[in-house]
All heavy atoms as atom14 arrays in JSON, in Angstrom:
{
  "sequence": "RQVSYALCNDRRTLLWFGNQRAVEYHPTLATATRPDRPTHLILD",
  "atom14_mask": [
    [1, 1, 1, 1, 1, 1, 1, 1, 1, 1, 1, 0, 0, 0],
    [1, 1, 1, 1, 1, 1, 1, 1, 1, 0, 0, 0, 0, 0],
    [1, 1, 1, 1, 1, 1, 1, 0, 0, 0, 0, 0, 0, 0],
    [1, 1, 1, 1, 1, 1, 0, 0, 0, 0, 0, 0, 0, 0],
    [1, 1, 1, 1, 1, 1, 1, 1, 1, 1, 1, 1, 0, 0],
    [1, 1, 1, 1, 1, 0, 0, 0, 0, 0, 0, 0, 0, 0],
    [1, 1, 1, 1, 1, 1, 1, 1, 0, 0, 0, 0, 0, 0],
    [1, 1, 1, 1, 1, 1, 0, 0, 0, 0, 0, 0, 0, 0],
    [1, 1, 1, 1, 1, 1, 1, 1, 0, 0, 0, 0, 0, 0],
    [1, 1, 1, 1, 1, 1, 1, 1, 0, 0, 0, 0, 0, 0],
    [1, 1, 1, 1, 1, 1, 1, 1, 1, 1, 1, 0, 0, 0],
    [1, 1, 1, 1, 1, 1, 1, 1, 1, 1, 1, 0, 0, 0],
    [1, 1, 1, 1, 1, 1, 1, 0, 0, 0, 0, 0, 0, 0],
    [1, 1, 1, 1, 1, 1, 1, 1, 0, 0, 0, 0, 0, 0],
    [1, 1, 1, 1, 1, 1, 1, 1, 0, 0, 0, 0, 0, 0],
    [1, 1, 1, 1, 1, 1, 1, 1, 1, 1, 1, 1, 1, 1],
    [1, 1, 1, 1, 1, 1, 1, 1, 1, 1, 1, 0, 0, 0],
    [1, 1, 1, 1, 0, 0, 0, 0, 0, 0, 0, 0, 0, 0],
    [1, 1, 1, 1, 1, 1, 1, 1, 0, 0, 0, 0, 0, 0],
    [1, 1, 1, 1, 1, 1, 1, 1, 1, 0, 0, 0, 0, 0],
    [1, 1, 1, 1, 1, 1, 1, 1, 1, 1, 1, 0, 0, 0],
    [1, 1, 1, 1, 1, 0, 0, 0, 0, 0, 0, 0, 0, 0],
    [1, 1, 1, 1, 1, 1, 1, 0, 0, 0, 0, 0, 0, 0],
    [1, 1, 1, 1, 1, 1, 1, 1, 1, 0, 0, 0, 0, 0],
    [1, 1, 1, 1, 1, 1, 1, 1, 1, 1, 1, 1, 0, 0],
    [1, 1, 1, 1, 1, 1, 1, 1, 1, 1, 0, 0, 0, 0],
    [1, 1, 1, 1, 1, 1, 1, 0, 0, 0, 0, 0, 0, 0],
    [1, 1, 1, 1, 1, 1, 1, 0, 0, 0, 0, 0, 0, 0],
    [1, 1, 1, 1, 1, 1, 1, 1, 0, 0, 0, 0, 0, 0],
    [1, 1, 1, 1, 1, 0, 0, 0, 0, 0, 0, 0, 0, 0],
    [1, 1, 1, 1, 1, 1, 1, 0, 0, 0, 0, 0, 0, 0],
    [1, 1, 1, 1, 1, 0, 0, 0, 0, 0, 0, 0, 0, 0],
    [1, 1, 1, 1, 1, 1, 1, 0, 0, 0, 0, 0, 0, 0],
    [1, 1, 1, 1, 1, 1, 1, 1, 1, 1, 1, 0, 0, 0],
    [1, 1, 1, 1, 1, 1, 1, 0, 0, 0, 0, 0, 0, 0],
    [1, 1, 1, 1, 1, 1, 1, 1, 0, 0, 0, 0, 0, 0],
    [1, 1, 1, 1, 1, 1, 1, 1, 1, 1, 1, 0, 0, 0],
    [1, 1, 1, 1, 1, 1, 1, 0, 0, 0, 0, 0, 0, 0],
    [1, 1, 1, 1, 1, 1, 1, 0, 0, 0, 0, 0, 0, 0],
    [1, 1, 1, 1, 1, 1, 1, 1, 1, 1, 0, 0, 0, 0],
    [1, 1, 1, 1, 1, 1, 1, 1, 0, 0, 0, 0, 0, 0],
    [1, 1, 1, 1, 1, 1, 1, 1, 0, 0, 0, 0, 0, 0],
    [1, 1, 1, 1, 1, 1, 1, 1, 0, 0, 0, 0, 0, 0],
    [1, 1, 1, 1, 1, 1, 1, 1, 0, 0, 0, 0, 0, 0]
  ],
  "atom14_positions": [
    [[48.68, 86.05, 4.35], [50.16, 86.16, 3.91], [50.85, 84.79, 4.15], [50.31, 83.89, 4.75], [50.81, 87.22, 4.8], [50.94, 86.86, 6.28], [51.4, 88.04, 7.07], [51.44, 87.71, 8.51], [52.55, 87.49, 9.25], [53.76, 87.52, 8.66], [52.47, 87.19, 10.54], [0.0, 0.0, 0.0], [0.0, 0.0, 0.0], [0.0, 0.0, 0.0]],
    [[52.03, 84.7, 3.51], [52.83, 83.53, 3.75], [53.48, 83.57, 5.07], [53.94, 84.65, 5.46], [53.87, 83.41, 2.63], [53.41, 82.99, 1.24], [52.91, 81.55, 1.22], [51.78, 81.27, 0.82], [53.8, 80.61, 1.65], [0.0, 0.0, 0.0], [0.0, 0.0, 0.0], [0.0, 0.0, 0.0], [0.0, 0.0, 0.0], [0.0, 0.0, 0.0]],
    [[53.46, 82.49, 5.8], [54.03, 82.44, 7.13], [55.1, 81.32, 7.16], [54.83, 80.23, 6.66], [52.99, 82.2, 8.24], [53.61, 82.01, 9.57], [52.07, 83.4, 8.26], [0.0, 0.0, 0.0], [0.0, 0.0, 0.0], [0.0, 0.0, 0.0], [0.0, 0.0, 0.0], [0.0, 0.0, 0.0], [0.0, 0.0, 0.0], [0.0, 0.0, 0.0]],
    [[56.25, 81.64, 7.69], [57.26, 80.68, 7.87], [57.18, 80.05, 9.28], [57.6, 80.65, 10.26], [58.68, 81.28, 7.67], [59.71, 80.29, 7.72], [0.0, 0.0, 0.0], [0.0, 0.0, 0.0], [0.0, 0.0, 0.0], [0.0, 0.0, 0.0], [0.0, 0.0, 0.0], [0.0, 0.0, 0.0], [0.0, 0.0, 0.0], [0.0, 0.0, 0.0]],
    [[56.67, 78.83, 9.33], [56.4, 78.16, 10.64], [57.63, 77.22, 10.92], [58.25, 76.61, 10.06], [55.23, 77.22, 10.57], [53.86, 78.01, 10.43], [53.31, 78.19, 9.2], [53.17, 78.32, 11.61], [52.14, 78.85, 9.12], [51.96, 78.94, 11.48], [51.4, 79.23, 10.26], [50.17, 79.83, 10.13], [0.0, 0.0, 0.0], [0.0, 0.0, 0.0]],
    [[57.85, 77.18, 12.18], [58.95, 76.23, 12.65], [58.33, 74.78, 12.73], [57.12, 74.58, 12.91], [59.43, 76.55, 14.03], [0.0, 0.0, 0.0], [0.0, 0.0, 0.0], [0.0, 0.0, 0.0], [0.0, 0.0, 0.0], [0.0, 0.0, 0.0], [0.0, 0.0, 0.0], [0.0, 0.0, 0.0], [0.0, 0.0, 0.0], [0.0, 0.0, 0.0]],
    [[59.13, 73.71, 12.51], [58.81, 72.41, 12.78], [59.6, 71.9, 13.95], [60.85, 71.84, 13.82], [59.03, 71.53, 11.55], [58.25, 71.92, 10.27], [58.75, 71.04, 9.12], [56.81, 71.89, 10.49], [0.0, 0.0, 0.0], [0.0, 0.0, 0.0], [0.0, 0.0, 0.0], [0.0, 0.0, 0.0], [0.0, 0.0, 0.0], [0.0, 0.0, 0.0]],
    [[59.06, 71.53, 15.09], [59.81, 71.15, 16.23], [59.89, 69.62, 16.2], [59.11, 68.94, 16.73], [59.07, 71.58, 17.55], [60.1, 71.35, 19.0], [0.0, 0.0, 0.0], [0.0, 0.0, 0.0], [0.0, 0.0, 0.0], [0.0, 0.0, 0.0], [0.0, 0.0, 0.0], [0.0, 0.0, 0.0], [0.0, 0.0, 0.0], [0.0, 0.0, 0.0]],
    [[60.98, 69.18, 15.62], [61.19, 67.76, 15.29], [62.21, 67.1, 16.21], [62.52, 65.88, 16.0], [61.55, 67.56, 13.87], [60.35, 67.9, 12.91], [59.23, 68.02, 13.35], [60.62, 67.85, 11.63], [0.0, 0.0, 0.0], [0.0, 0.0, 0.0], [0.0, 0.0, 0.0], [0.0, 0.0, 0.0], [0.0, 0.0, 0.0], [0.0, 0.0, 0.0]],
    [[62.84, 67.85, 17.08], [63.93, 67.19, 17.84], [64.15, 67.96, 19.15], [63.63, 69.06, 19.35], [65.28, 67.15, 16.99], [65.67, 68.48, 16.46], [65.4, 69.52, 17.13], [66.25, 68.53, 15.41], [0.0, 0.0, 0.0], [0.0, 0.0, 0.0], [0.0, 0.0, 0.0], [0.0, 0.0, 0.0], [0.0, 0.0, 0.0], [0.0, 0.0, 0.0]],
    [[65.01, 67.36, 20.02], [65.31, 68.0, 21.25], [65.9, 69.4, 21.18], [65.6, 70.3, 21.88], [66.25, 67.04, 22.08], [66.65, 67.57, 23.44], [67.84, 66.85, 23.97], [68.15, 67.28, 25.36], [69.39, 67.14, 25.91], [70.35, 66.64, 25.25], [69.56, 67.56, 27.16], [0.0, 0.0, 0.0], [0.0, 0.0, 0.0], [0.0, 0.0, 0.0]],
    [[66.8, 69.54, 20.23], [67.59, 70.76, 20.11], [66.6, 71.93, 19.78], [66.68, 73.01, 20.43], [68.67, 70.67, 19.01], [69.5, 71.89, 18.9], [70.83, 71.67, 18.22], [70.7, 71.32, 16.81], [71.63, 71.52, 15.95], [72.71, 72.08, 16.23], [71.42, 71.1, 14.67], [0.0, 0.0, 0.0], [0.0, 0.0, 0.0], [0.0, 0.0, 0.0]],
    [[65.63, 71.73, 18.87], [64.66, 72.73, 18.56], [63.76, 73.04, 19.76], [63.49, 74.23, 20.04], [63.81, 72.33, 17.41], [64.75, 72.05, 16.23], [62.83, 73.4, 16.98], [0.0, 0.0, 0.0], [0.0, 0.0, 0.0], [0.0, 0.0, 0.0], [0.0, 0.0, 0.0], [0.0, 0.0, 0.0], [0.0, 0.0, 0.0], [0.0, 0.0, 0.0]],
    [[63.37, 72.02, 20.49], [62.5, 72.27, 21.65], [63.27, 73.04, 22.71], [62.69, 73.98, 23.36], [62.07, 70.84, 22.23], [61.08, 70.93, 23.37], [59.73, 71.56, 22.96], [60.83, 69.5, 23.92], [0.0, 0.0, 0.0], [0.0, 0.0, 0.0], [0.0, 0.0, 0.0], [0.0, 0.0, 0.0], [0.0, 0.0, 0.0], [0.0, 0.0, 0.0]],
    [[64.52, 72.74, 22.93], [65.31, 73.48, 23.92], [65.47, 74.93, 23.44], [65.44, 75.89, 24.28], [66.7, 72.87, 24.08], [66.76, 71.55, 24.86], [68.13, 70.93, 24.78], [66.3, 71.77, 26.3], [0.0, 0.0, 0.0], [0.0, 0.0, 0.0], [0.0, 0.0, 0.0], [0.0, 0.0, 0.0], [0.0, 0.0, 0.0], [0.0, 0.0, 0.0]],
    [[65.66, 75.15, 22.16], [65.79, 76.51, 21.66], [64.48, 77.23, 21.95], [64.56, 78.43, 22.34], [66.13, 76.46, 20.15], [66.19, 77.9, 19.59], [67.27, 78.7, 19.66], [65.23, 78.57, 18.84], [66.97, 79.95, 19.06], [65.72, 79.87, 18.59], [63.89, 78.24, 18.45], [64.99, 80.83, 17.82], [63.21, 79.17, 17.73], [63.73, 80.49, 17.4]],
    [[63.34, 76.67, 21.71], [62.08, 77.3, 21.99], [61.96, 77.6, 23.46], [61.48, 78.74, 23.86], [60.89, 76.42, 21.52], [60.47, 76.69, 20.13], [60.5, 75.69, 19.19], [59.96, 77.95, 19.83], [60.09, 75.92, 17.88], [59.56, 78.16, 18.48], [59.6, 77.18, 17.46], [0.0, 0.0, 0.0], [0.0, 0.0, 0.0], [0.0, 0.0, 0.0]],
    [[62.42, 76.66, 24.33], [62.36, 76.93, 25.76], [63.18, 78.13, 26.12], [62.8, 78.96, 26.99], [0.0, 0.0, 0.0], [0.0, 0.0, 0.0], [0.0, 0.0, 0.0], [0.0, 0.0, 0.0], [0.0, 0.0, 0.0], [0.0, 0.0, 0.0], [0.0, 0.0, 0.0], [0.0, 0.0, 0.0], [0.0, 0.0, 0.0], [0.0, 0.0, 0.0]],
    [[64.38, 78.26, 25.5], [65.26, 79.41, 25.79], [64.58, 80.71, 25.3], [64.92, 81.79, 25.75], [66.61, 79.19, 25.16], [67.59, 80.16, 25.75], [67.82, 80.25, 26.92], [68.19, 80.97, 24.86], [0.0, 0.0, 0.0], [0.0, 0.0, 0.0], [0.0, 0.0, 0.0], [0.0, 0.0, 0.0], [0.0, 0.0, 0.0], [0.0, 0.0, 0.0]],
    [[63.7, 80.61, 24.26], [62.98, 81.76, 23.81], [61.78, 82.07, 24.7], [60.94, 82.96, 24.34], [62.53, 81.58, 22.34], [63.64, 81.34, 21.39], [64.51, 82.49, 21.29], [64.16, 83.66, 21.03], [65.83, 82.25, 21.45], [0.0, 0.0, 0.0], [0.0, 0.0, 0.0], [0.0, 0.0, 0.0], [0.0, 0.0, 0.0], [0.0, 0.0, 0.0]],
    [[61.64, 81.41, 25.79], [60.53, 81.56, 26.73], [59.12, 81.25, 26.04], [58.2, 81.89, 26.24], [60.47, 82.92, 27.37], [61.74, 83.26, 28.09], [61.75, 84.72, 28.63], [60.84, 84.84, 29.71], [61.24, 84.93, 30.98], [62.53, 84.8, 31.32], [60.31, 85.09, 31.96], [0.0, 0.0, 0.0], [0.0, 0.0, 0.0], [0.0, 0.0, 0.0]],
    [[59.19, 80.2, 25.18], [57.97, 79.7, 24.57], [57.29, 78.74, 25.64], [57.86, 77.65, 25.81], [58.27, 78.98, 23.25], [0.0, 0.0, 0.0], [0.0, 0.0, 0.0], [0.0, 0.0, 0.0], [0.0, 0.0, 0.0], [0.0, 0.0, 0.0], [0.0, 0.0, 0.0], [0.0, 0.0, 0.0], [0.0, 0.0, 0.0], [0.0, 0.0, 0.0]],
    [[56.21, 79.16, 26.19], [55.55, 78.35, 27.21], [54.51, 77.41, 26.55], [54.42, 76.2, 26.9], [54.88, 79.29, 28.2], [54.13, 78.44, 29.27], [55.94, 80.19, 28.89], [0.0, 0.0, 0.0], [0.0, 0.0, 0.0], [0.0, 0.0, 0.0], [0.0, 0.0, 0.0], [0.0, 0.0, 0.0], [0.0, 0.0, 0.0], [0.0, 0.0, 0.0]],
    [[53.73, 77.88, 25.58], [52.6, 77.04, 25.07], [52.99, 76.62, 23.6], [53.58, 77.4, 22.86], [51.34, 77.76, 25.01], [50.82, 78.12, 26.44], [49.37, 78.57, 26.38], [48.72, 78.5, 25.33], [48.87, 79.1, 27.41], [0.0, 0.0, 0.0], [0.0, 0.0, 0.0], [0.0, 0.0, 0.0], [0.0, 0.0, 0.0], [0.0, 0.0, 0.0]],
    [[52.64, 75.4, 23.25], [52.91, 74.76, 21.91], [51.67, 74.33, 21.24], [50.92, 73.48, 21.71], [53.87, 73.56, 22.11], [55.21, 74.09, 22.7], [55.37, 74.44, 24.07], [56.33, 74.32, 21.85], [56.55, 74.94, 24.56], [57.47, 74.81, 22.39], [57.57, 75.11, 23.74], [58.74, 75.62, 24.21], [0.0, 0.0, 0.0], [0.0, 0.0, 0.0]],
    [[51.37, 75.04, 20.11], [50.13, 74.89, 19.43], [50.41, 74.37, 17.97], [50.55, 75.17, 17.05], [49.38, 76.17, 19.37], [48.86, 76.72, 20.71], [47.56, 76.69, 21.07], [49.56, 77.18, 21.79], [47.48, 77.23, 22.34], [48.67, 77.49, 22.76], [0.0, 0.0, 0.0], [0.0, 0.0, 0.0], [0.0, 0.0, 0.0], [0.0, 0.0, 0.0]],
    [[50.43, 73.09, 17.76], [50.61, 72.56, 16.34], [49.35, 72.6, 15.57], [48.21, 72.61, 16.19], [51.12, 71.12, 16.6], [50.43, 70.76, 17.89], [50.36, 72.01, 18.68], [0.0, 0.0, 0.0], [0.0, 0.0, 0.0], [0.0, 0.0, 0.0], [0.0, 0.0, 0.0], [0.0, 0.0, 0.0], [0.0, 0.0, 0.0], [0.0, 0.0, 0.0]],
    [[49.43, 72.58, 14.23], [48.3, 72.47, 13.37], [47.75, 71.06, 13.46], [48.38, 70.09, 13.94], [48.66, 72.78, 11.92], [49.7, 71.9, 11.51], [49.1, 74.24, 11.82], [0.0, 0.0, 0.0], [0.0, 0.0, 0.0], [0.0, 0.0, 0.0], [0.0, 0.0, 0.0], [0.0, 0.0, 0.0], [0.0, 0.0, 0.0], [0.0, 0.0, 0.0]],
    [[46.48, 70.86, 12.98], [45.83, 69.58, 12.94], [46.3, 68.73, 11.78], [45.94, 67.5, 11.72], [44.37, 69.71, 12.9], [43.69, 70.66, 13.92], [42.19, 70.64, 13.82], [44.18, 70.22, 15.33], [0.0, 0.0, 0.0], [0.0, 0.0, 0.0], [0.0, 0.0, 0.0], [0.0, 0.0, 0.0], [0.0, 0.0, 0.0], [0.0, 0.0, 0.0]],
    [[47.02, 69.26, 10.84], [47.58, 68.5, 9.68], [49.07, 68.7, 9.69], [49.67, 69.58, 10.3], [46.98, 69.06, 8.44], [0.0, 0.0, 0.0], [0.0, 0.0, 0.0], [0.0, 0.0, 0.0], [0.0, 0.0, 0.0], [0.0, 0.0, 0.0], [0.0, 0.0, 0.0], [0.0, 0.0, 0.0], [0.0, 0.0, 0.0], [0.0, 0.0, 0.0]],
    [[49.78, 67.79, 8.96], [51.19, 67.91, 8.84], [51.55, 68.86, 7.73], [50.79, 69.26, 6.9], [51.79, 66.52, 8.52], [51.35, 66.03, 7.31], [51.42, 65.47, 9.67], [0.0, 0.0, 0.0], [0.0, 0.0, 0.0], [0.0, 0.0, 0.0], [0.0, 0.0, 0.0], [0.0, 0.0, 0.0], [0.0, 0.0, 0.0], [0.0, 0.0, 0.0]],
    [[52.87, 69.21, 7.74], [53.35, 70.19, 6.76], [53.24, 69.61, 5.32], [53.06, 70.39, 4.38], [54.8, 70.57, 7.07], [0.0, 0.0, 0.0], [0.0, 0.0, 0.0], [0.0, 0.0, 0.0], [0.0, 0.0, 0.0], [0.0, 0.0, 0.0], [0.0, 0.0, 0.0], [0.0, 0.0, 0.0], [0.0, 0.0, 0.0], [0.0, 0.0, 0.0]],
    [[53.38, 68.3, 5.24], [53.44, 67.75, 3.85], [51.98, 67.52, 3.35], [51.78, 67.45, 2.09], [54.06, 66.38, 3.92], [53.47, 65.56, 4.9], [55.58, 66.51, 4.21], [0.0, 0.0, 0.0], [0.0, 0.0, 0.0], [0.0, 0.0, 0.0], [0.0, 0.0, 0.0], [0.0, 0.0, 0.0], [0.0, 0.0, 0.0], [0.0, 0.0, 0.0]],
    [[50.98, 67.45, 4.24], [49.56, 67.36, 3.76], [48.65, 68.32, 4.55], [47.81, 67.91, 5.33], [49.09, 65.93, 3.97], [49.96, 64.85, 3.25], [49.19, 63.55, 3.13], [48.19, 63.64, 2.08], [47.28, 62.68, 1.81], [47.25, 61.59, 2.5], [46.39, 62.84, 0.83], [0.0, 0.0, 0.0], [0.0, 0.0, 0.0], [0.0, 0.0, 0.0]],
    [[48.85, 69.58, 4.3], [48.14, 70.65, 5.05], [46.63, 70.59, 4.85], [45.83, 71.15, 5.65], [48.74, 71.99, 4.56], [49.34, 71.64, 3.24], [49.78, 70.25, 3.3], [0.0, 0.0, 0.0], [0.0, 0.0, 0.0], [0.0, 0.0, 0.0], [0.0, 0.0, 0.0], [0.0, 0.0, 0.0], [0.0, 0.0, 0.0], [0.0, 0.0, 0.0]],
    [[46.15, 69.93, 3.79], [44.76, 69.88, 3.51], [44.1, 68.61, 4.08], [42.98, 68.26, 3.72], [44.49, 69.99, 2.05], [45.13, 68.91, 1.21], [46.09, 68.27, 1.72], [44.76, 68.64, 0.02], [0.0, 0.0, 0.0], [0.0, 0.0, 0.0], [0.0, 0.0, 0.0], [0.0, 0.0, 0.0], [0.0, 0.0, 0.0], [0.0, 0.0, 0.0]],
    [[44.82, 67.83, 4.79], [44.33, 66.54, 5.36], [44.53, 66.43, 6.88], [45.59, 65.99, 7.3], [45.0, 65.31, 4.63], [44.65, 65.21, 3.14], [43.15, 64.81, 3.0], [42.8, 64.45, 1.58], [42.3, 65.41, 0.76], [42.11, 66.64, 1.14], [41.97, 64.99, -0.44], [0.0, 0.0, 0.0], [0.0, 0.0, 0.0], [0.0, 0.0, 0.0]],
    [[43.6, 66.96, 7.65], [43.75, 66.87, 9.11], [43.91, 65.42, 9.6], [43.28, 64.49, 8.97], [42.46, 67.49, 9.68], [41.89, 68.25, 8.51], [42.4, 67.57, 7.24], [0.0, 0.0, 0.0], [0.0, 0.0, 0.0], [0.0, 0.0, 0.0], [0.0, 0.0, 0.0], [0.0, 0.0, 0.0], [0.0, 0.0, 0.0], [0.0, 0.0, 0.0]],
    [[44.72, 65.16, 10.58], [44.89, 63.81, 11.08], [43.89, 63.5, 12.15], [43.64, 62.35, 12.5], [46.27, 63.63, 11.67], [46.5, 64.62, 12.71], [47.32, 63.76, 10.59], [0.0, 0.0, 0.0], [0.0, 0.0, 0.0], [0.0, 0.0, 0.0], [0.0, 0.0, 0.0], [0.0, 0.0, 0.0], [0.0, 0.0, 0.0], [0.0, 0.0, 0.0]],
    [[43.27, 64.52, 12.78], [42.3, 64.42, 13.85], [41.15, 65.32, 13.68], [41.25, 66.45, 13.2], [42.95, 64.63, 15.19], [44.04, 63.73, 15.6], [45.28, 63.78, 15.03], [44.04, 62.63, 16.33], [46.03, 62.82, 15.53], [45.33, 62.07, 16.36], [0.0, 0.0, 0.0], [0.0, 0.0, 0.0], [0.0, 0.0, 0.0], [0.0, 0.0, 0.0]],
    [[39.99, 64.81, 14.12], [38.77, 65.71, 14.39], [38.86, 66.05, 15.89], [39.17, 65.24, 16.73], [37.53, 64.89, 14.08], [36.11, 65.42, 14.31], [35.21, 64.57, 13.47], [35.76, 65.31, 15.8], [0.0, 0.0, 0.0], [0.0, 0.0, 0.0], [0.0, 0.0, 0.0], [0.0, 0.0, 0.0], [0.0, 0.0, 0.0], [0.0, 0.0, 0.0]],
    [[38.55, 67.32, 16.15], [38.65, 67.75, 17.58], [37.48, 68.59, 18.06], [36.98, 69.44, 17.33], [39.93, 68.71, 17.7], [41.22, 67.87, 17.48], [39.96, 69.28, 19.15], [42.46, 68.68, 17.48], [0.0, 0.0, 0.0], [0.0, 0.0, 0.0], [0.0, 0.0, 0.0], [0.0, 0.0, 0.0], [0.0, 0.0, 0.0], [0.0, 0.0, 0.0]],
    [[37.0, 68.25, 19.24], [35.97, 69.09, 19.91], [36.62, 69.62, 21.16], [37.2, 68.93, 21.95], [34.74, 68.21, 20.22], [33.8, 68.01, 19.1], [32.72, 66.98, 19.47], [33.11, 69.33, 18.68], [0.0, 0.0, 0.0], [0.0, 0.0, 0.0], [0.0, 0.0, 0.0], [0.0, 0.0, 0.0], [0.0, 0.0, 0.0], [0.0, 0.0, 0.0]],
    [[36.4, 70.91, 21.27], [36.95, 71.65, 22.42], [35.79, 72.01, 23.37], [34.85, 72.76, 22.99], [37.66, 72.95, 21.92], [38.26, 73.79, 22.99], [38.22, 73.44, 24.16], [38.74, 74.92, 22.67], [0.0, 0.0, 0.0], [0.0, 0.0, 0.0], [0.0, 0.0, 0.0], [0.0, 0.0, 0.0], [0.0, 0.0, 0.0], [0.0, 0.0, 0.0]]
  ]
}
């Protein structure tokens, strides 16, 4: 399905997430403008 994701680009948005009791922050490996081009390779 289509998902409407937030972009946390400033202090105000981060504070709003904190007030929502958002403890963990999991961004995608690519940016919103180039979702098919990961910026990093990751091993966990």
